[in-house]
């Protein structure tokens, strides 16, 4: 899956809240939004995925690095 496929014309839905983060999901891909980065913002149950790209990209890159490391 490519990053672009996760954000173009997709909706991110709130999944749960734990360990200091709001977790959202797009097509089975889950990513956290840390509380420390939500100050002054309003997070709803659903957002356009493109608006949450900052956190989607971060998790996407972390997952890719873990997969690369596991393959080594």
PDB file of N, CA and C in Angstrom:
ATOM      1  N   UNK A   1       0.847  -1.177   0.000  1.00  0.00           N
ATOM      2  CA  UNK A   1       0.000   0.000   0.000  1.00  0.00           C
ATOM      3  C   UNK A   1       0.894   1.243   0.000  1.00  0.00           C
ATOM      4  N   UNK A   2       0.481   2.223  -0.754  1.00  0.00           N
ATOM      5  CA  UNK A   2       1.211   3.477  -0.834  1.00  0.00           C
ATOM      6  C   UNK A   2       0.524   4.530   0.029  1.00  0.00           C
ATOM      7  N   UNK A   3       1.304   5.483   0.482  1.00  0.00           N
ATOM      8  CA  UNK A   3       0.776   6.560   1.315  1.00  0.00           C
ATOM      9  C   UNK A   3      -0.354   7.290   0.604  1.00  0.00           C
ATOM     10  N   UNK A   4      -0.166   7.556  -0.665  1.00  0.00           N
ATOM     11  CA  UNK A   4      -1.161   8.286  -1.442  1.00  0.00           C
ATOM     12  C   UNK A   4      -2.523   7.574  -1.425  1.00  0.00           C
ATOM     13  N   UNK A   5      -2.507   6.241  -1.434  1.00  0.00           N
ATOM     14  CA  UNK A   5      -3.743   5.456  -1.415  1.00  0.00           C
ATOM     15  C   UNK A   5      -4.504   5.611  -0.101  1.00  0.00           C
ATOM     16  N   UNK A   6      -3.794   5.968   0.967  1.00  0.00           N
ATOM     17  CA  UNK A   6      -4.425   6.142   2.275  1.00  0.00           C
ATOM     18  C   UNK A   6      -5.088   7.502   2.452  1.00  0.00           C
ATOM     19  N   UNK A   7      -4.692   8.476   1.663  1.00  0.00           N
ATOM     20  CA  UNK A   7      -5.176   9.833   1.930  1.00  0.00           C
ATOM     21  C   UNK A   7      -6.102  10.419   0.875  1.00  0.00           C
ATOM     22  N   UNK A   8      -5.980   9.992  -0.364  1.00  0.00           N
ATOM     23  CA  UNK A   8      -6.793  10.582  -1.431  1.00  0.00           C
ATOM     24  C   UNK A   8      -8.240  10.099  -1.343  1.00  0.00           C
ATOM     25  N   UNK A   9      -9.140  11.039  -1.154  1.00  0.00           N
ATOM     26  CA  UNK A   9     -10.587  10.774  -1.074  1.00  0.00           C
ATOM     27  C   UNK A   9     -10.956   9.738  -0.025  1.00  0.00           C
ATOM     28  N   UNK A  10     -10.254   9.737   1.111  1.00  0.00           N
ATOM     29  CA  UNK A  10     -10.518   8.790   2.195  1.00  0.00           C
ATOM     30  C   UNK A  10     -10.925   9.537   3.454  1.00  0.00           C
ATOM     31  N   UNK A  11     -11.615   8.825   4.322  1.00  0.00           N
ATOM     32  CA  UNK A  11     -12.041   9.374   5.607  1.00  0.00           C
ATOM     33  C   UNK A  11     -11.358   8.594   6.719  1.00  0.00           C
ATOM     34  N   UNK A  12     -10.774   9.310   7.657  1.00  0.00           N
ATOM     35  CA  UNK A  12     -10.176   8.698   8.842  1.00  0.00           C
ATOM     36  C   UNK A  12     -11.237   8.704   9.933  1.00  0.00           C
ATOM     37  N   UNK A  13     -11.408   7.563  10.579  1.00  0.00           N
ATOM     38  CA  UNK A  13     -12.418   7.415  11.631  1.00  0.00           C
ATOM     39  C   UNK A  13     -11.738   7.142  12.972  1.00  0.00           C
ATOM     40  N   UNK A  14     -12.258   7.779  14.016  1.00  0.00           N
ATOM     41  CA  UNK A  14     -11.734   7.571  15.364  1.00  0.00           C
ATOM     42  C   UNK A  14     -11.943   6.112  15.745  1.00  0.00           C
ATOM     43  N   UNK A  15     -10.890   5.465  16.274  1.00  0.00           N
ATOM     44  CA  UNK A  15     -10.973   4.064  16.682  1.00  0.00           C
ATOM     45  C   UNK A  15     -11.031   3.947  18.206  1.00  0.00           C
ATOM     46  N   UNK A  16     -10.055   4.556  18.897  1.00  0.00           N
ATOM     47  CA  UNK A  16     -10.018   4.495  20.356  1.00  0.00           C
ATOM     48  C   UNK A  16      -8.994   5.496  20.891  1.00  0.00           C
ATOM     49  N   UNK A  17      -8.980   5.620  22.210  1.00  0.00           N
ATOM     50  CA  UNK A  17      -8.067   6.532  22.891  1.00  0.00           C
ATOM     51  C   UNK A  17      -7.327   5.739  23.956  1.00  0.00           C
ATOM     52  N   UNK A  18      -5.991   5.752  23.907  1.00  0.00           N
ATOM     53  CA  UNK A  18      -5.193   5.045  24.903  1.00  0.00           C
ATOM     54  C   UNK A  18      -3.767   5.586  24.925  1.00  0.00           C
ATOM     55  N   UNK A  19      -3.120   5.435  26.051  1.00  0.00           N
ATOM     56  CA  UNK A  19      -1.709   5.803  26.204  1.00  0.00           C
ATOM     57  C   UNK A  19      -1.364   7.195  25.677  1.00  0.00           C
ATOM     58  N   UNK A  20      -2.217   8.159  25.951  1.00  0.00           N
ATOM     59  CA  UNK A  20      -1.921   9.538  25.572  1.00  0.00           C
ATOM     60  C   UNK A  20      -2.073   9.859  24.107  1.00  0.00           C
ATOM     61  N   UNK A  21      -2.899   9.086  23.394  1.00  0.00           N
ATOM     62  CA  UNK A  21      -3.091   9.352  21.969  1.00  0.00           C
ATOM     63  C   UNK A  21      -4.507   9.007  21.522  1.00  0.00           C
ATOM     64  N   UNK A  22      -4.952   9.731  20.518  1.00  0.00           N
ATOM     65  CA  UNK A  22      -6.203   9.415  19.824  1.00  0.00           C
ATOM     66  C   UNK A  22      -5.803   8.540  18.640  1.00  0.00           C
ATOM     67  N   UNK A  23      -6.415   7.397  18.496  1.00  0.00           N
ATOM     68  CA  UNK A  23      -6.088   6.496  17.388  1.00  0.00           C
ATOM     69  C   UNK A  23      -7.188   6.576  16.341  1.00  0.00           C
ATOM     70  N   UNK A  24      -6.774   6.813  15.099  1.00  0.00           N
ATOM     71  CA  UNK A  24      -7.688   6.879  13.960  1.00  0.00           C
ATOM     72  C   UNK A  24      -7.357   5.744  13.004  1.00  0.00           C
ATOM     73  N   UNK A  25      -8.304   5.446  12.123  1.00  0.00           N
ATOM     74  CA  UNK A  25      -8.126   4.355  11.170  1.00  0.00           C
ATOM     75  C   UNK A  25      -8.603   4.764   9.782  1.00  0.00           C
ATOM     76  N   UNK A  26      -7.820   4.378   8.783  1.00  0.00           N
ATOM     77  CA  UNK A  26      -8.175   4.583   7.373  1.00  0.00           C
ATOM     78  C   UNK A  26      -7.941   3.245   6.674  1.00  0.00           C
ATOM     79  N   UNK A  27      -8.978   2.641   6.191  1.00  0.00           N
ATOM     80  CA  UNK A  27      -8.851   1.361   5.460  1.00  0.00           C
ATOM     81  C   UNK A  27      -8.017   0.328   6.211  1.00  0.00           C
ATOM     82  N   UNK A  28      -8.237   0.190   7.502  1.00  0.00           N
ATOM     83  CA  UNK A  28      -7.513  -0.796   8.295  1.00  0.00           C
ATOM     84  C   UNK A  28      -6.147  -0.351   8.780  1.00  0.00           C
ATOM     85  N   UNK A  29      -5.685   0.811   8.365  1.00  0.00           N
ATOM     86  CA  UNK A  29      -4.392   1.362   8.786  1.00  0.00           C
ATOM     87  C   UNK A  29      -4.642   2.272   9.983  1.00  0.00           C
ATOM     88  N   UNK A  30      -4.061   1.935  11.132  1.00  0.00           N
ATOM     89  CA  UNK A  30      -4.256   2.734  12.348  1.00  0.00           C
ATOM     90  C   UNK A  30      -3.028   3.582  12.633  1.00  0.00           C
ATOM     91  N   UNK A  31      -3.308   4.780  13.131  1.00  0.00           N
ATOM     92  CA  UNK A  31      -2.225   5.716  13.458  1.00  0.00           C
ATOM     93  C   UNK A  31      -2.626   6.565  14.652  1.00  0.00           C
ATOM     94  N   UNK A  32      -1.644   6.949  15.491  1.00  0.00           N
ATOM     95  CA  UNK A  32      -1.931   7.762  16.671  1.00  0.00           C
ATOM     96  C   UNK A  32      -1.776   9.258  16.416  1.00  0.00           C
ATOM     97  N   UNK A  33      -2.561  10.012  17.152  1.00  0.00           N
ATOM     98  CA  UNK A  33      -2.410  11.462  17.205  1.00  0.00           C
ATOM     99  C   UNK A  33      -2.165  11.770  18.686  1.00  0.00           C
ATOM    100  N   UNK A  34      -0.909  12.058  19.065  1.00  0.00           N
ATOM    101  CA  UNK A  34      -0.584  12.292  20.477  1.00  0.00           C
ATOM    102  C   UNK A  34      -1.352  13.483  21.066  1.00  0.00           C
ATOM    103  N   UNK A  35      -1.785  13.317  22.319  1.00  0.00           N
ATOM    104  CA  UNK A  35      -2.482  14.408  23.004  1.00  0.00           C
ATOM    105  C   UNK A  35      -1.669  15.691  22.965  1.00  0.00           C
ATOM    106  N   UNK A  36      -0.357  15.577  23.097  1.00  0.00           N
ATOM    107  CA  UNK A  36       0.506  16.759  23.142  1.00  0.00           C
ATOM    108  C   UNK A  36       0.420  17.585  21.859  1.00  0.00           C
ATOM    109  N   UNK A  37      -0.072  16.970  20.778  1.00  0.00           N
ATOM    110  CA  UNK A  37      -0.181  17.672  19.501  1.00  0.00           C
ATOM    111  C   UNK A  37      -1.624  18.087  19.184  1.00  0.00           C
ATOM    112  N   UNK A  38      -2.508  17.955  20.170  1.00  0.00           N
ATOM    113  CA  UNK A  38      -3.912  18.302  19.931  1.00  0.00           C
ATOM    114  C   UNK A  38      -4.334  19.604  20.605  1.00  0.00           C
ATOM    115  N   UNK A  39      -3.419  20.258  21.300  1.00  0.00           N
ATOM    116  CA  UNK A  39      -3.742  21.479  22.046  1.00  0.00           C
ATOM    117  C   UNK A  39      -4.344  22.532  21.116  1.00  0.00           C
ATOM    118  N   UNK A  40      -5.514  22.991  21.477  1.00  0.00           N
ATOM    119  CA  UNK A  40      -6.188  24.033  20.702  1.00  0.00           C
ATOM    120  C   UNK A  40      -6.916  23.543  19.471  1.00  0.00           C
ATOM    121  N   UNK A  41      -6.882  22.247  19.213  1.00  0.00           N
ATOM    122  CA  UNK A  41      -7.547  21.701  18.025  1.00  0.00           C
ATOM    123  C   UNK A  41      -8.786  20.908  18.426  1.00  0.00           C
ATOM    124  N   UNK A  42      -9.671  20.765  17.491  1.00  0.00           N
ATOM    125  CA  UNK A  42     -10.889  19.987  17.705  1.00  0.00           C
ATOM    126  C   UNK A  42     -10.804  18.726  16.849  1.00  0.00           C
ATOM    127  N   UNK A  43     -10.776  17.582  17.490  1.00  0.00           N
ATOM    128  CA  UNK A  43     -10.726  16.317  16.768  1.00  0.00           C
ATOM    129  C   UNK A  43     -12.085  15.649  16.843  1.00  0.00           C
ATOM    130  N   UNK A  44     -12.637  15.409  15.693  1.00  0.00           N
ATOM    131  CA  UNK A  44     -13.981  14.846  15.559  1.00  0.00           C
ATOM    132  C   UNK A  44     -13.876  13.334  15.305  1.00  0.00           C
ATOM    133  N   UNK A  45     -15.020  12.642  15.327  1.00  0.00           N
ATOM    134  CA  UNK A  45     -15.006  11.197  15.050  1.00  0.00           C
ATOM    135  C   UNK A  45     -14.541  10.865  13.633  1.00  0.00           C
ATOM    136  N   UNK A  46     -14.714  11.786  12.703  1.00  0.00           N
ATOM    137  CA  UNK A  46     -14.281  11.566  11.326  1.00  0.00           C
ATOM    138  C   UNK A  46     -13.620  12.831  10.781  1.00  0.00           C
ATOM    139  N   UNK A  47     -12.584  12.615  10.000  1.00  0.00           N
ATOM    140  CA  UNK A  47     -11.862  13.700   9.331  1.00  0.00           C
ATOM    141  C   UNK A  47     -11.488  13.238   7.939  1.00  0.00           C
ATOM    142  N   UNK A  48     -11.301  14.173   7.043  1.00  0.00           N
ATOM    143  CA  UNK A  48     -10.705  13.820   5.764  1.00  0.00           C
ATOM    144  C   UNK A  48      -9.282  13.340   6.083  1.00  0.00           C
ATOM    145  N   UNK A  49      -8.909  12.223   5.512  1.00  0.00           N
ATOM    146  CA  UNK A  49      -7.590  11.657   5.808  1.00  0.00           C
ATOM    147  C   UNK A  49      -6.463  12.619   5.448  1.00  0.00           C
ATOM    148  N   UNK A  50      -6.630  13.370   4.392  1.00  0.00           N
ATOM    149  CA  UNK A  50      -5.590  14.317   3.972  1.00  0.00           C
ATOM    150  C   UNK A  50      -5.273  15.322   5.082  1.00  0.00           C
ATOM    151  N   UNK A  51      -6.279  15.661   5.915  1.00  0.00           N
ATOM    152  CA  UNK A  51      -6.077  16.613   6.996  1.00  0.00           C
ATOM    153  C   UNK A  51      -5.276  16.029   8.156  1.00  0.00           C
ATOM    154  N   UNK A  52      -5.165  14.713   8.193  1.00  0.00           N
ATOM    155  CA  UNK A  52      -4.397  14.040   9.237  1.00  0.00           C
ATOM    156  C   UNK A  52      -3.114  13.433   8.669  1.00  0.00           C
ATOM    157  N   UNK A  53      -2.714  13.890   7.495  1.00  0.00           N
ATOM    158  CA  UNK A  53      -1.575  13.315   6.791  1.00  0.00           C
ATOM    159  C   UNK A  53      -0.292  13.367   7.611  1.00  0.00           C
ATOM    160  N   UNK A  54      -0.125  14.376   8.399  1.00  0.00           N
ATOM    161  CA  UNK A  54       1.079  14.512   9.224  1.00  0.00           C
ATOM    162  C   UNK A  54       1.302  13.255  10.070  1.00  0.00           C
ATOM    163  N   UNK A  55       0.246  12.762  10.692  1.00  0.00           N
ATOM    164  CA  UNK A  55       0.357  11.604  11.571  1.00  0.00           C
ATOM    165  C   UNK A  55       0.288  10.294  10.788  1.00  0.00           C
ATOM    166  N   UNK A  56      -0.448  10.293   9.702  1.00  0.00           N
ATOM    167  CA  UNK A  56      -0.506   9.107   8.847  1.00  0.00           C
ATOM    168  C   UNK A  56       0.886   8.834   8.286  1.00  0.00           C
ATOM    169  N   UNK A  57       1.530   9.857   7.771  1.00  0.00           N
ATOM    170  CA  UNK A  57       2.869   9.696   7.191  1.00  0.00           C
ATOM    171  C   UNK A  57       3.856   9.185   8.238  1.00  0.00           C
ATOM    172  N   UNK A  58       3.805   9.752   9.421  1.00  0.00           N
ATOM    173  CA  UNK A  58       4.729   9.349  10.475  1.00  0.00           C
ATOM    174  C   UNK A  58       4.580   7.855  10.777  1.00  0.00           C
ATOM    175  N   UNK A  59       3.362   7.369  10.967  1.00  0.00           N
ATOM    176  CA  UNK A  59       3.122   5.965  11.260  1.00  0.00           C
ATOM    177  C   UNK A  59       3.475   5.085  10.062  1.00  0.00           C
ATOM    178  N   UNK A  60       3.159   5.549   8.876  1.00  0.00           N
ATOM    179  CA  UNK A  60       3.454   4.821   7.645  1.00  0.00           C
ATOM    180  C   UNK A  60       4.965   4.592   7.528  1.00  0.00           C
ATOM    181  N   UNK A  61       5.744   5.630   7.793  1.00  0.00           N
ATOM    182  CA  UNK A  61       7.198   5.525   7.716  1.00  0.00           C
ATOM    183  C   UNK A  61       7.760   4.633   8.816  1.00  0.00           C
ATOM    184  N   UNK A  62       7.182   4.709  10.024  1.00  0.00           N
ATOM    185  CA  UNK A  62       7.622   3.840  11.116  1.00  0.00           C
ATOM    186  C   UNK A  62       7.342   2.377  10.780  1.00  0.00           C
ATOM    187  N   UNK A  63       6.175   2.095  10.225  1.00  0.00           N
ATOM    188  CA  UNK A  63       5.826   0.730   9.837  1.00  0.00           C
ATOM    189  C   UNK A  63       6.776   0.206   8.772  1.00  0.00           C
ATOM    190  N   UNK A  64       7.094   1.045   7.792  1.00  0.00           N
ATOM    191  CA  UNK A  64       8.007   0.643   6.722  1.00  0.00           C
ATOM    192  C   UNK A  64       9.395   0.334   7.267  1.00  0.00           C
ATOM    193  N   UNK A  65       9.864   1.146   8.213  1.00  0.00           N
ATOM    194  CA  UNK A  65      11.173   0.922   8.809  1.00  0.00           C
ATOM    195  C   UNK A  65      11.198  -0.385   9.608  1.00  0.00           C
ATOM    196  N   UNK A  66      10.124  -0.681  10.328  1.00  0.00           N
ATOM    197  CA  UNK A  66      10.027  -1.921  11.089  1.00  0.00           C
ATOM    198  C   UNK A  66      10.021  -3.128  10.166  1.00  0.00           C
ATOM    199  N   UNK A  67       9.294  -3.028   9.059  1.00  0.00           N
ATOM    200  CA  UNK A  67       9.237  -4.137   8.101  1.00  0.00           C
ATOM    201  C   UNK A  67      10.595  -4.361   7.457  1.00  0.00           C
ATOM    202  N   UNK A  68      11.292  -3.286   7.162  1.00  0.00           N
ATOM    203  CA  UNK A  68      12.618  -3.388   6.561  1.00  0.00           C
ATOM    204  C   UNK A  68      13.589  -4.046   7.526  1.00  0.00           C
ATOM    205  N   UNK A  69      13.508  -3.647   8.798  1.00  0.00           N
ATOM    206  CA  UNK A  69      14.383  -4.190   9.821  1.00  0.00           C
ATOM    207  C   UNK A  69      14.074  -5.677  10.047  1.00  0.00           C
ATOM    208  N   UNK A  70      12.812  -6.041  10.037  1.00  0.00           N
ATOM    209  CA  UNK A  70      12.411  -7.436  10.250  1.00  0.00           C
ATOM    210  C   UNK A  70      12.884  -8.314   9.091  1.00  0.00           C
ATOM    211  N   UNK A  71      12.926  -7.749   7.902  1.00  0.00           N
ATOM    212  CA  UNK A  71      13.343  -8.506   6.720  1.00  0.00           C
ATOM    213  C   UNK A  71      14.855  -8.734   6.686  1.00  0.00           C
ATOM    214  N   UNK A  72      15.587  -7.929   7.439  1.00  0.00           N
ATOM    215  CA  UNK A  72      17.065  -8.032   7.442  1.00  0.00           C
ATOM    216  C   UNK A  72      17.547  -9.191   8.289  1.00  0.00           C
TER     217      UNK A  72
END
